[in-house]
C-alpha atoms as a PDB file:
ATOM      1  CA  UNK A   1      24.052   7.903   1.032  1.00  0.00           C
ATOM      2  CA  UNK A   2      22.115  11.160   0.645  1.00  0.00           C
ATOM      3  CA  UNK A   3      18.370  10.618   0.438  1.00  0.00           C
ATOM      4  CA  UNK A   4      15.878  13.400  -0.125  1.00  0.00           C
ATOM      5  CA  UNK A   5      12.483  12.847   1.492  1.00  0.00           C
ATOM      6  CA  UNK A   6       9.534  14.891   0.222  1.00  0.00           C
ATOM      7  CA  UNK A   7       6.609  15.188   2.620  1.00  0.00           C
ATOM      8  CA  UNK A   8       6.802  15.483   6.412  1.00  0.00           C
ATOM      9  CA  UNK A   9       3.317  14.324   7.356  1.00  0.00           C
ATOM     10  CA  UNK A  10       2.472  11.217   9.366  1.00  0.00           C
ATOM     11  CA  UNK A  11       3.941   8.574   7.070  1.00  0.00           C
ATOM     12  CA  UNK A  12       6.751  10.920   6.019  1.00  0.00           C
ATOM     13  CA  UNK A  13       7.748  11.417   9.629  1.00  0.00           C
ATOM     14  CA  UNK A  14       7.776   7.649  10.177  1.00  0.00           C
ATOM     15  CA  UNK A  15       9.932   7.054   7.089  1.00  0.00           C
ATOM     16  CA  UNK A  16      12.269   9.925   7.941  1.00  0.00           C
ATOM     17  CA  UNK A  17      12.782   8.490  11.417  1.00  0.00           C
ATOM     18  CA  UNK A  18      13.557   5.075   9.935  1.00  0.00           C
ATOM     19  CA  UNK A  19      16.036   6.493   7.423  1.00  0.00           C
ATOM     20  CA  UNK A  20      17.751   8.695  10.009  1.00  0.00           C
ATOM     21  CA  UNK A  21      18.610   5.507  11.946  1.00  0.00           C
ATOM     22  CA  UNK A  22      19.901   3.617   8.914  1.00  0.00           C
ATOM     23  CA  UNK A  23      23.660   3.134   8.919  1.00  0.00           C
ATOM     24  CA  UNK A  24      23.921   4.057   5.219  1.00  0.00           C
ATOM     25  CA  UNK A  25      21.876   7.257   5.552  1.00  0.00           C
ATOM     26  CA  UNK A  26      22.092   8.653   9.072  1.00  0.00           C
ATOM     27  CA  UNK A  27      22.841  12.379   9.097  1.00  0.00           C
ATOM     28  CA  UNK A  28      22.763  12.601   5.293  1.00  0.00           C
ATOM     29  CA  UNK A  29      18.964  12.727   5.160  1.00  0.00           C
ATOM     30  CA  UNK A  30      17.363  15.820   3.613  1.00  0.00           C
ATOM     31  CA  UNK A  31      13.668  16.529   4.237  1.00  0.00           C
ATOM     32  CA  UNK A  32      11.285  19.016   2.709  1.00  0.00           C
ATOM     33  CA  UNK A  33       7.574  19.725   2.926  1.00  0.00           C
ATOM     34  CA  UNK A  34       4.972  22.126   1.548  1.00  0.00           C
ATOM     35  CA  UNK A  35       5.154  23.596   5.062  1.00  0.00           C
ATOM     36  CA  UNK A  36       8.856  24.521   5.493  1.00  0.00           C
ATOM     37  CA  UNK A  37       8.444  24.996   9.243  1.00  0.00           C
ATOM     38  CA  UNK A  38       7.192  21.433   9.627  1.00  0.00           C
ATOM     39  CA  UNK A  39      10.155  20.120   7.652  1.00  0.00           C
ATOM     40  CA  UNK A  40      12.541  22.148   9.808  1.00  0.00           C
ATOM     41  CA  UNK A  41      11.058  20.795  13.034  1.00  0.00           C
ATOM     42  CA  UNK A  42      11.376  17.236  11.780  1.00  0.00           C
ATOM     43  CA  UNK A  43      14.957  17.793  10.602  1.00  0.00           C
ATOM     44  CA  UNK A  44      15.935  19.330  13.926  1.00  0.00           C
ATOM     45  CA  UNK A  45      14.525  16.381  15.813  1.00  0.00           C
ATOM     46  CA  UNK A  46      16.284  13.800  13.652  1.00  0.00           C
ATOM     47  CA  UNK A  47      19.588  15.547  13.037  1.00  0.00           C
ATOM     48  CA  UNK A  48      18.744  15.819   9.342  1.00  0.00           C
ATOM     49  CA  UNK A  49      18.840  18.779   6.942  1.00  0.00           C
ATOM     50  CA  UNK A  50      15.724  20.726   5.971  1.00  0.00           C
ATOM     51  CA  UNK A  51      15.450  21.931   2.372  1.00  0.00           C
ATOM     52  CA  UNK A  52      13.439  25.116   1.724  1.00  0.00           C
ATOM     53  CA  UNK A  53      11.512  23.518  -1.145  1.00  0.00           C
ATOM     54  CA  UNK A  54      11.298  20.491  -3.420  1.00  0.00           C
ATOM     55  CA  UNK A  55      13.681  22.175  -5.865  1.00  0.00           C
ATOM     56  CA  UNK A  56      16.636  21.724  -3.540  1.00  0.00           C
ATOM     57  CA  UNK A  57      16.010  17.978  -3.366  1.00  0.00           C
ATOM     58  CA  UNK A  58      16.881  17.839  -7.053  1.00  0.00           C
ATOM     59  CA  UNK A  59      19.775  20.304  -6.971  1.00  0.00           C
ATOM     60  CA  UNK A  60      21.653  19.363  -3.799  1.00  0.00           C
ATOM     61  CA  UNK A  61      23.057  16.125  -5.183  1.00  0.00           C
ATOM     62  CA  UNK A  62      20.972  13.414  -3.534  1.00  0.00           C
ATOM     63  CA  UNK A  63      21.432   9.750  -4.420  1.00  0.00           C
ATOM     64  CA  UNK A  64      17.747   8.820  -4.196  1.00  0.00           C
ATOM     65  CA  UNK A  65      14.318  10.260  -3.434  1.00  0.00           C
ATOM     66  CA  UNK A  66      11.550   9.098  -1.093  1.00  0.00           C
ATOM     67  CA  UNK A  67       8.097  10.519  -1.872  1.00  0.00           C
ATOM     68  CA  UNK A  68       5.623  10.774   0.984  1.00  0.00           C
ATOM     69  CA  UNK A  69       3.929  13.970  -0.180  1.00  0.00           C
ATOM     70  CA  UNK A  70       0.219  14.420  -0.917  1.00  0.00           C
ATOM     71  CA  UNK A  71      -1.084  11.848  -3.401  1.00  0.00           C
ATOM     72  CA  UNK A  72      -1.858  14.542  -5.965  1.00  0.00           C
ATOM     73  CA  UNK A  73       1.882  15.308  -6.218  1.00  0.00           C
ATOM     74  CA  UNK A  74       3.151  11.734  -6.605  1.00  0.00           C
ATOM     75  CA  UNK A  75       3.074  11.406 -10.398  1.00  0.00           C
ATOM     76  CA  UNK A  76       4.776  14.748 -11.026  1.00  0.00           C
ATOM     77  CA  UNK A  77       7.502  14.016  -8.479  1.00  0.00           C
ATOM     78  CA  UNK A  78       8.083  10.518  -9.874  1.00  0.00           C
ATOM     79  CA  UNK A  79       8.529  12.039 -13.319  1.00  0.00           C
ATOM     80  CA  UNK A  80      10.888  14.692 -12.028  1.00  0.00           C
ATOM     81  CA  UNK A  81      13.016  12.095 -10.258  1.00  0.00           C
ATOM     82  CA  UNK A  82      13.090   9.957 -13.402  1.00  0.00           C
ATOM     83  CA  UNK A  83      14.219  12.890 -15.548  1.00  0.00           C
ATOM     84  CA  UNK A  84      16.928  13.576 -12.969  1.00  0.00           C
ATOM     85  CA  UNK A  85      18.129   9.981 -13.201  1.00  0.00           C
ATOM     86  CA  UNK A  86      17.313   9.280  -9.551  1.00  0.00           C
ATOM     87  CA  UNK A  87      15.929   6.072  -8.050  1.00  0.00           C
ATOM     88  CA  UNK A  88      12.716   6.788  -6.173  1.00  0.00           C
ATOM     89  CA  UNK A  89      10.597   5.164  -3.486  1.00  0.00           C
ATOM     90  CA  UNK A  90       6.981   6.330  -3.527  1.00  0.00           C
ATOM     91  CA  UNK A  91       4.100   5.618  -1.218  1.00  0.00           C
ATOM     92  CA  UNK A  92       1.096   4.275  -3.089  1.00  0.00           C
ATOM     93  CA  UNK A  93      -0.605   5.293  -5.260  1.00  0.00           C
ATOM     94  CA  UNK A  94       1.367   6.570  -8.245  1.00  0.00           C
ATOM     95  CA  UNK A  95      -1.673   8.682  -9.133  1.00  0.00           C
ATOM     96  CA  UNK A  96      -5.388   8.738  -8.400  1.00  0.00           C
ATOM     97  CA  UNK A  97      -6.276   7.864 -11.980  1.00  0.00           C
ATOM     98  CA  UNK A  98      -5.118   5.381 -14.569  1.00  0.00           C
ATOM     99  CA  UNK A  99      -3.962   8.008 -17.062  1.00  0.00           C
ATOM    100  CA  UNK A 100      -1.689   9.696 -14.529  1.00  0.00           C
ATOM    101  CA  UNK A 101      -0.300   6.330 -13.447  1.00  0.00           C
ATOM    102  CA  UNK A 102       0.527   5.283 -17.009  1.00  0.00           C
ATOM    103  CA  UNK A 103       2.133   8.652 -17.773  1.00  0.00           C
ATOM    104  CA  UNK A 104       4.409   8.433 -14.731  1.00  0.00           C
ATOM    105  CA  UNK A 105       5.398   4.865 -15.568  1.00  0.00           C
ATOM    106  CA  UNK A 106       6.213   5.913 -19.113  1.00  0.00           C
ATOM    107  CA  UNK A 107       8.645   8.508 -17.752  1.00  0.00           C
ATOM    108  CA  UNK A 108      10.320   5.916 -15.529  1.00  0.00           C
ATOM    109  CA  UNK A 109      10.590   3.486 -18.442  1.00  0.00           C
ATOM    110  CA  UNK A 110      12.024   6.157 -20.749  1.00  0.00           C
ATOM    111  CA  UNK A 111      14.624   7.188 -18.177  1.00  0.00           C
ATOM    112  CA  UNK A 112      15.494   3.618 -17.206  1.00  0.00           C
ATOM    113  CA  UNK A 113      15.394   4.524 -13.529  1.00  0.00           C
ATOM    114  CA  UNK A 114      14.106   2.631 -10.476  1.00  0.00           C
ATOM    115  CA  UNK A 115      10.660   3.146  -8.984  1.00  0.00           C
ATOM    116  CA  UNK A 116       9.885   1.114  -5.857  1.00  0.00           C
ATOM    117  CA  UNK A 117       6.309   1.351  -4.616  1.00  0.00           C
ATOM    118  CA  UNK A 118       5.277   1.312  -0.979  1.00  0.00           C
ATOM    119  CA  UNK A 119       3.227  -1.863  -0.577  1.00  0.00           C
ATOM    120  CA  UNK A 120       4.560  -2.608   2.887  1.00  0.00           C
ATOM    121  CA  UNK A 121       2.634  -5.848   3.394  1.00  0.00           C
ATOM    122  CA  UNK A 122       5.140  -7.535   1.068  1.00  0.00           C
ATOM    123  CA  UNK A 123       7.590  -7.156   3.962  1.00  0.00           C
ATOM    124  CA  UNK A 124       5.289  -8.360   6.743  1.00  0.00           C
ATOM    125  CA  UNK A 125       6.386 -11.672   8.258  1.00  0.00           C
ATOM    126  CA  UNK A 126       2.908 -13.208   8.200  1.00  0.00           C
ATOM    127  CA  UNK A 127       2.283 -12.521   4.519  1.00  0.00           C
ATOM    128  CA  UNK A 128       5.805 -13.654   3.638  1.00  0.00           C
ATOM    129  CA  UNK A 129       5.309 -16.996   5.422  1.00  0.00           C
ATOM    130  CA  UNK A 130       1.929 -17.413   3.709  1.00  0.00           C
ATOM    131  CA  UNK A 131       3.513 -16.833   0.303  1.00  0.00           C
ATOM    132  CA  UNK A 132       6.173 -19.437   1.046  1.00  0.00           C
ATOM    133  CA  UNK A 133       3.514 -21.922   2.162  1.00  0.00           C
ATOM    134  CA  UNK A 134       1.566 -21.465  -1.056  1.00  0.00           C
ATOM    135  CA  UNK A 135       4.630 -21.676  -3.299  1.00  0.00           C
ATOM    136  CA  UNK A 136       5.932 -24.790  -1.494  1.00  0.00           C
ATOM    137  CA  UNK A 137       2.715 -26.691  -2.175  1.00  0.00           C
ATOM    138  CA  UNK A 138       1.984 -27.153   1.522  1.00  0.00           C
ATOM    139  CA  UNK A 139      -1.641 -26.079   1.104  1.00  0.00           C
ATOM    140  CA  UNK A 140      -2.243 -27.974  -2.093  1.00  0.00           C
ATOM    141  CA  UNK A 141      -4.438 -26.331  -4.702  1.00  0.00           C
ATOM    142  CA  UNK A 142      -5.915 -23.143  -3.285  1.00  0.00           C
ATOM    143  CA  UNK A 143      -9.666 -23.006  -3.690  1.00  0.00           C
ATOM    144  CA  UNK A 144     -10.631 -20.070  -1.443  1.00  0.00           C
ATOM    145  CA  UNK A 145      -8.876 -16.974  -0.104  1.00  0.00           C
ATOM    146  CA  UNK A 146     -10.423 -14.329   2.122  1.00  0.00           C
ATOM    147  CA  UNK A 147      -8.765 -10.929   2.540  1.00  0.00           C
ATOM    148  CA  UNK A 148      -9.939  -8.098   4.735  1.00  0.00           C
ATOM    149  CA  UNK A 149      -8.909  -4.653   5.911  1.00  0.00           C
ATOM    150  CA  UNK A 150     -10.911  -2.891   8.620  1.00  0.00           C
ATOM    151  CA  UNK A 151      -9.983   0.555   9.933  1.00  0.00           C
ATOM    152  CA  UNK A 152     -10.874   1.308  13.528  1.00  0.00           C
ATOM    153  CA  UNK A 153     -12.121   4.794  12.698  1.00  0.00           C
ATOM    154  CA  UNK A 154     -12.681   6.823   9.517  1.00  0.00           C
ATOM    155  CA  UNK A 155     -10.035   9.166   8.094  1.00  0.00           C
ATOM    156  CA  UNK A 156     -10.656  12.935   8.274  1.00  0.00           C
ATOM    157  CA  UNK A 157     -13.539  14.103   6.077  1.00  0.00           C
ATOM    158  CA  UNK A 158     -11.218  16.340   4.050  1.00  0.00           C
ATOM    159  CA  UNK A 159      -9.131  13.310   3.090  1.00  0.00           C
ATOM    160  CA  UNK A 160     -11.939  11.413   1.392  1.00  0.00           C
ATOM    161  CA  UNK A 161     -12.257  13.455  -1.844  1.00  0.00           C
ATOM    162  CA  UNK A 162      -8.477  13.094  -2.310  1.00  0.00           C
ATOM    163  CA  UNK A 163      -8.213   9.393  -1.461  1.00  0.00           C
ATOM    164  CA  UNK A 164      -9.457   7.840  -4.677  1.00  0.00           C
ATOM    165  CA  UNK A 165     -12.129   5.868  -2.861  1.00  0.00           C
ATOM    166  CA  UNK A 166     -12.181   2.702  -0.773  1.00  0.00           C
ATOM    167  CA  UNK A 167     -11.057   0.308  -3.520  1.00  0.00           C
ATOM    168  CA  UNK A 168      -8.112   2.424  -4.716  1.00  0.00           C
ATOM    169  CA  UNK A 169      -6.990   3.704  -1.315  1.00  0.00           C
ATOM    170  CA  UNK A 170      -7.626   0.803   1.053  1.00  0.00           C
ATOM    171  CA  UNK A 171      -8.445  -2.474  -0.701  1.00  0.00           C
ATOM    172  CA  UNK A 172      -5.617  -1.957  -3.190  1.00  0.00           C
ATOM    173  CA  UNK A 173      -3.299  -3.425  -0.521  1.00  0.00           C
ATOM    174  CA  UNK A 174      -5.420  -6.582  -0.395  1.00  0.00           C
ATOM    175  CA  UNK A 175      -5.457  -6.802  -4.194  1.00  0.00           C
ATOM    176  CA  UNK A 176      -1.660  -6.594  -4.230  1.00  0.00           C
ATOM    177  CA  UNK A 177      -1.412  -9.263  -1.554  1.00  0.00           C
ATOM    178  CA  UNK A 178      -3.791 -11.603  -3.359  1.00  0.00           C
ATOM    179  CA  UNK A 179      -1.546 -11.501  -6.433  1.00  0.00           C
ATOM    180  CA  UNK A 180       1.741 -11.583  -4.505  1.00  0.00           C
ATOM    181  CA  UNK A 181       0.890 -14.376  -2.080  1.00  0.00           C
ATOM    182  CA  UNK A 182      -0.882 -16.681  -4.551  1.00  0.00           C
ATOM    183  CA  UNK A 183       1.116 -15.931  -7.703  1.00  0.00           C
ATOM    184  CA  UNK A 184      -2.135 -15.920  -9.704  1.00  0.00           C
ATOM    185  CA  UNK A 185      -3.915 -13.246 -11.755  1.00  0.00           C
ATOM    186  CA  UNK A 186      -7.486 -11.960 -11.413  1.00  0.00           C
ATOM    187  CA  UNK A 187      -9.692 -12.560 -14.443  1.00  0.00           C
ATOM    188  CA  UNK A 188     -13.032 -11.289 -13.131  1.00  0.00           C
ATOM    189  CA  UNK A 189     -14.424  -9.204 -10.261  1.00  0.00           C
ATOM    190  CA  UNK A 190     -17.872  -8.454  -8.926  1.00  0.00           C
ATOM    191  CA  UNK A 191     -17.992  -5.676  -6.358  1.00  0.00           C
ATOM    192  CA  UNK A 192     -20.532  -3.921  -4.161  1.00  0.00           C
ATOM    193  CA  UNK A 193     -20.299  -1.053  -1.696  1.00  0.00           C
ATOM    194  CA  UNK A 194     -22.280   0.673   1.012  1.00  0.00           C
ATOM    195  CA  UNK A 195     -22.351   4.303   2.155  1.00  0.00           C
ATOM    196  CA  UNK A 196     -24.772   3.636   5.014  1.00  0.00           C
ATOM    197  CA  UNK A 197     -22.240   4.749   7.637  1.00  0.00           C
ATOM    198  CA  UNK A 198     -21.133   8.307   8.478  1.00  0.00           C
ATOM    199  CA  UNK A 199     -22.639  10.990   6.236  1.00  0.00           C
ATOM    200  CA  UNK A 200     -19.220  12.291   5.158  1.00  0.00           C
ATOM    201  CA  UNK A 201     -18.807   9.265   2.873  1.00  0.00           C
ATOM    202  CA  UNK A 202     -22.021  10.040   1.000  1.00  0.00           C
ATOM    203  CA  UNK A 203     -21.037  13.702   0.791  1.00  0.00           C
ATOM    204  CA  UNK A 204     -17.689  12.725  -0.743  1.00  0.00           C
ATOM    205  CA  UNK A 205     -19.268  10.244  -3.174  1.00  0.00           C
ATOM    206  CA  UNK A 206     -17.370   7.434  -1.451  1.00  0.00           C
ATOM    207  CA  UNK A 207     -18.341   4.257   0.408  1.00  0.00           C
ATOM    208  CA  UNK A 208     -17.440   3.259   3.948  1.00  0.00           C
ATOM    209  CA  UNK A 209     -17.731  -0.503   3.368  1.00  0.00           C
ATOM    210  CA  UNK A 210     -16.939  -2.559   0.279  1.00  0.00           C
ATOM    211  CA  UNK A 211     -16.751  -6.166  -0.837  1.00  0.00           C
ATOM    212  CA  UNK A 212     -15.550  -7.933  -3.961  1.00  0.00           C
ATOM    213  CA  UNK A 213     -15.601 -11.484  -5.239  1.00  0.00           C
ATOM    214  CA  UNK A 214     -12.582 -12.201  -7.429  1.00  0.00           C
ATOM    215  CA  UNK A 215     -12.076 -15.136  -9.780  1.00  0.00           C
ATOM    216  CA  UNK A 216      -8.482 -16.066 -10.583  1.00  0.00           C
ATOM    217  CA  UNK A 217      -6.954 -17.611 -13.681  1.00  0.00           C
ATOM    218  CA  UNK A 218      -6.807 -21.082 -12.097  1.00  0.00           C
ATOM    219  CA  UNK A 219     -10.412 -21.041 -10.848  1.00  0.00           C
ATOM    220  CA  UNK A 220      -9.551 -19.996  -7.292  1.00  0.00           C
ATOM    221  CA  UNK A 221     -12.107 -17.729  -5.659  1.00  0.00           C
ATOM    222  CA  UNK A 222     -11.287 -14.878  -3.301  1.00  0.00           C
ATOM    223  CA  UNK A 223     -13.258 -12.350  -1.325  1.00  0.00           C
ATOM    224  CA  UNK A 224     -11.846  -8.962  -0.379  1.00  0.00           C
ATOM    225  CA  UNK A 225     -13.706  -6.786   2.110  1.00  0.00           C
ATOM    226  CA  UNK A 226     -12.951  -3.469   3.758  1.00  0.00           C
ATOM    227  CA  UNK A 227     -14.595  -0.985   6.075  1.00  0.00           C
ATOM    228  CA  UNK A 228     -13.656   2.356   7.564  1.00  0.00           C
ATOM    229  CA  UNK A 229     -15.756   1.872  10.703  1.00  0.00           C
ATOM    230  CA  UNK A 230     -14.576  -1.151  12.700  1.00  0.00           C
ATOM    231  CA  UNK A 231     -14.839   0.074  16.277  1.00  0.00           C
ATOM    232  CA  UNK A 232     -13.176  -3.014  17.765  1.00  0.00           C
ATOM    233  CA  UNK A 233      -9.808  -2.033  16.263  1.00  0.00           C
ATOM    234  CA  UNK A 234      -7.601  -2.210  13.185  1.00  0.00           C
ATOM    235  CA  UNK A 235      -8.064  -5.633  11.653  1.00  0.00           C
ATOM    236  CA  UNK A 236      -6.089  -6.901   8.636  1.00  0.00           C
ATOM    237  CA  UNK A 237      -6.218 -10.616   7.866  1.00  0.00           C
ATOM    238  CA  UNK A 238      -5.954 -13.148   5.062  1.00  0.00           C
ATOM    239  CA  UNK A 239      -7.245 -16.721   5.194  1.00  0.00           C
ATOM    240  CA  UNK A 240      -5.955 -19.200   2.629  1.00  0.00           C
ATOM    241  CA  UNK A 241      -7.743 -22.541   2.185  1.00  0.00           C
ATOM    242  CA  UNK A 242      -6.333 -25.327   0.061  1.00  0.00           C
ATOM    243  CA  UNK A 243      -7.115 -28.964  -0.605  1.00  0.00           C
ATOM    244  CA  UNK A 244      -4.417 -30.022   1.891  1.00  0.00           C
ATOM    245  CA  UNK A 245      -4.342 -27.349   4.592  1.00  0.00           C
ATOM    246  CA  UNK A 246      -5.405 -23.818   5.517  1.00  0.00           C
ATOM    247  CA  UNK A 247      -3.612 -20.931   7.215  1.00  0.00           C
ATOM    248  CA  UNK A 248      -4.363 -17.423   8.458  1.00  0.00           C
ATOM    249  CA  UNK A 249      -2.339 -14.198   8.330  1.00  0.00           C
ATOM    250  CA  UNK A 250      -2.965 -11.542  10.981  1.00  0.00           C
ATOM    251  CA  UNK A 251      -4.393 -13.680  13.775  1.00  0.00           C
ATOM    252  CA  UNK A 252      -2.578 -13.008  17.048  1.00  0.00           C
ATOM    253  CA  UNK A 253      -3.200 -11.779  20.582  1.00  0.00           C
ATOM    254  CA  UNK A 254      -3.877  -8.248  19.292  1.00  0.00           C
ATOM    255  CA  UNK A 255      -6.407  -9.148  16.610  1.00  0.00           C
ATOM    256  CA  UNK A 256      -9.602  -7.208  17.503  1.00  0.00           C
ATOM    257  CA  UNK A 257     -12.027 -10.119  17.374  1.00  0.00           C
ATOM    258  CA  UNK A 258     -13.852 -12.050  20.091  1.00  0.00           C
ATOM    259  CA  UNK A 259     -14.964 -15.669  19.946  1.00  0.00           C
ATOM    260  CA  UNK A 260     -18.454 -16.716  20.991  1.00  0.00           C
ATOM    261  CA  UNK A 261     -17.321 -20.269  21.708  1.00  0.00           C
ATOM    262  CA  UNK A 262     -17.090 -21.333  25.383  1.00  0.00           C
ATOM    263  CA  UNK A 263     -13.512 -22.515  24.912  1.00  0.00           C
ATOM    264  CA  UNK A 264     -12.541 -19.829  22.411  1.00  0.00           C
ATOM    265  CA  UNK A 265      -9.621 -17.421  22.900  1.00  0.00           C
ATOM    266  CA  UNK A 266     -10.267 -14.296  25.001  1.00  0.00           C
ATOM    267  CA  UNK A 267     -10.645 -10.847  23.395  1.00  0.00           C
ATOM    268  CA  UNK A 268      -7.435  -8.911  22.778  1.00  0.00           C
ATOM    269  CA  UNK A 269      -6.306  -6.826  25.749  1.00  0.00           C
ATOM    270  CA  UNK A 270      -4.600  -4.317  23.458  1.00  0.00           C
ATOM    271  CA  UNK A 271      -6.065  -4.511  19.951  1.00  0.00           C
ATOM    272  CA  UNK A 272      -4.285  -2.924  16.999  1.00  0.00           C
ATOM    273  CA  UNK A 273      -5.339   0.689  16.460  1.00  0.00           C
ATOM    274  CA  UNK A 274      -3.832   1.604  13.078  1.00  0.00           C
ATOM    275  CA  UNK A 275      -1.601   0.704  10.165  1.00  0.00           C
ATOM    276  CA  UNK A 276       1.608   2.281  11.455  1.00  0.00           C
ATOM    277  CA  UNK A 277       1.384   0.254  14.647  1.00  0.00           C
ATOM    278  CA  UNK A 278       0.358  -2.988  12.946  1.00  0.00           C
ATOM    279  CA  UNK A 279       2.875  -2.776  10.087  1.00  0.00           C
ATOM    280  CA  UNK A 280       5.696  -0.766  11.687  1.00  0.00           C
ATOM    281  CA  UNK A 281       8.390  -3.440  11.149  1.00  0.00           C
ATOM    282  CA  UNK A 282       7.237  -3.955   7.552  1.00  0.00           C
ATOM    283  CA  UNK A 283       7.527  -0.227   6.802  1.00  0.00           C
ATOM    284  CA  UNK A 284      11.067  -0.269   8.166  1.00  0.00           C
ATOM    285  CA  UNK A 285      11.967  -3.350   6.134  1.00  0.00           C
ATOM    286  CA  UNK A 286      10.717  -1.907   2.845  1.00  0.00           C
ATOM    287  CA  UNK A 287      12.915   1.189   3.267  1.00  0.00           C
ATOM    288  CA  UNK A 288      15.905  -0.963   4.154  1.00  0.00           C
ATOM    289  CA  UNK A 289      15.193  -2.859   0.937  1.00  0.00           C
ATOM    290  CA  UNK A 290      15.090   0.417  -1.007  1.00  0.00           C
ATOM    291  CA  UNK A 291      18.544   1.366   0.265  1.00  0.00           C
ATOM    292  CA  UNK A 292      19.792  -2.023  -0.911  1.00  0.00           C
ATOM    293  CA  UNK A 293      18.155  -1.471  -4.315  1.00  0.00           C
ATOM    294  CA  UNK A 294      19.848   1.911  -4.650  1.00  0.00           C
ATOM    295  CA  UNK A 295      23.185   0.320  -3.754  1.00  0.00           C
ATOM    296  CA  UNK A 296      22.651  -2.362  -6.397  1.00  0.00           C
ATOM    297  CA  UNK A 297      22.518  -5.152  -3.817  1.00  0.00           C
ATOM    298  CA  UNK A 298      19.070  -6.542  -4.661  1.00  0.00           C
ATOM    299  CA  UNK A 299      16.401  -6.333  -7.366  1.00  0.00           C
ATOM    300  CA  UNK A 300      13.414  -4.030  -7.009  1.00  0.00           C
ATOM    301  CA  UNK A 301      10.872  -5.892  -4.796  1.00  0.00           C
ATOM    302  CA  UNK A 302       7.819  -3.922  -5.989  1.00  0.00           C
ATOM    303  CA  UNK A 303       8.104  -1.861  -9.143  1.00  0.00           C
ATOM    304  CA  UNK A 304       5.552   0.487 -10.662  1.00  0.00           C
ATOM    305  CA  UNK A 305       4.075  -2.199 -12.904  1.00  0.00           C
ATOM    306  CA  UNK A 306       3.131  -4.241  -9.845  1.00  0.00           C
ATOM    307  CA  UNK A 307       1.344  -1.197  -8.445  1.00  0.00           C
ATOM    308  CA  UNK A 308      -0.420  -0.728 -11.786  1.00  0.00           C
ATOM    309  CA  UNK A 309      -1.790  -4.278 -11.714  1.00  0.00           C
ATOM    310  CA  UNK A 310      -3.260  -3.729  -8.235  1.00  0.00           C
ATOM    311  CA  UNK A 311      -4.747  -0.430  -9.419  1.00  0.00           C
ATOM    312  CA  UNK A 312      -6.363  -2.122 -12.423  1.00  0.00           C
ATOM    313  CA  UNK A 313      -8.130  -4.550 -10.090  1.00  0.00           C
ATOM    314  CA  UNK A 314      -9.306  -1.600  -7.985  1.00  0.00           C
ATOM    315  CA  UNK A 315     -10.532   0.182 -11.132  1.00  0.00           C
ATOM    316  CA  UNK A 316     -12.365  -2.956 -12.215  1.00  0.00           C
ATOM    317  CA  UNK A 317     -14.040  -3.142  -8.796  1.00  0.00           C
ATOM    318  CA  UNK A 318     -15.124   0.473  -8.967  1.00  0.00           C
ATOM    319  CA  UNK A 319     -16.557  -0.079 -12.451  1.00  0.00           C
ATOM    320  CA  UNK A 320     -18.334  -3.211 -11.238  1.00  0.00           C
ATOM    321  CA  UNK A 321     -19.844  -1.368  -8.290  1.00  0.00           C
ATOM    322  CA  UNK A 322     -21.102   1.482 -10.458  1.00  0.00           C
ATOM    323  CA  UNK A 323     -22.502  -0.670 -13.253  1.00  0.00           C
ATOM    324  CA  UNK A 324     -23.567  -3.633 -11.100  1.00  0.00           C
ATOM    325  CA  UNK A 325     -21.949  -6.226 -13.323  1.00  0.00           C
ATOM    326  CA  UNK A 326     -19.000  -8.579 -13.477  1.00  0.00           C
ATOM    327  CA  UNK A 327     -15.900  -6.872 -14.872  1.00  0.00           C
ATOM    328  CA  UNK A 328     -12.641  -8.281 -16.188  1.00  0.00           C
ATOM    329  CA  UNK A 329      -9.421  -6.346 -15.466  1.00  0.00           C
ATOM    330  CA  UNK A 330      -8.759  -6.855 -19.180  1.00  0.00           C
ATOM    331  CA  UNK A 331     -11.312  -4.051 -19.700  1.00  0.00           C
ATOM    332  CA  UNK A 332      -8.931  -1.673 -17.888  1.00  0.00           C
ATOM    333  CA  UNK A 333      -6.131  -0.349 -20.125  1.00  0.00           C
ATOM    334  CA  UNK A 334      -2.410  -0.693 -19.476  1.00  0.00           C
ATOM    335  CA  UNK A 335      -2.028  -4.221 -18.202  1.00  0.00           C
ATOM    336  CA  UNK A 336      -0.164  -7.356 -19.135  1.00  0.00           C
ATOM    337  CA  UNK A 337      -3.229  -9.122 -20.505  1.00  0.00           C
END
């Protein structure tokens, strides 16, 4: 199978390495980047082929496309792949705004092609087990869920104006997980944020820490929190509490948290430092799933409409933060409401 990968940055390099080892792809991988020299170096290292530009990806007869380019290019590349009749895997987000997201999805719908979005937590063992526990009834009726994402250190300052902000760039993963694990829909959010950390967040009009209270269609309450400045390490967890039992995702011997109890567990010797380390196996699994989707062996595990629903929650949170009021995702266009 010939796959064209667009974007040879950090996540692109990780995905290219994964695909180059896949038995169905191997030496048939083609990579390109806005910096041709970077693409060539990556191709040489992996035994892949470097394309001079994006144009060759669409003219050299690939079977599918993987988009790991800059976020600003995602929507255009999704549309181009759709018009070429090619299945595409794209790292989130589809676009930084709702209008661009809806336009790209319209192109995919019109072409009848496949768009799989990169929400890698859907392939993490802990979240998968939690979903099964909820769906089996083991926990009983869920009454409270707590989700959190804490980065050990902030991204580069130049990234912030292009990120879409904390809710769209970071917490969107938690919003997707809240829907996917519980099987319920958000009906109201109330969000707040703080830019009291490094000055670069204020300069970019962003926040370094955010929190949201979400009410679901069955009355369940959830909190979702995130920060860019968690010096202890990279910490991603979800706690699910039901009338019968409660469980936690992301609590292991590398979780960067220390107990104050005399008999509590000791601090992690080697805490997680970032998302590629923490979710490496999940990233590999989602690409393996994409190959199976392209081969017609399984249904799409995360299509563009799923990504849109997570984005609408993020948009509702941003609106809530700005206007200091409760917001329903139904106020955000394009959903299934």
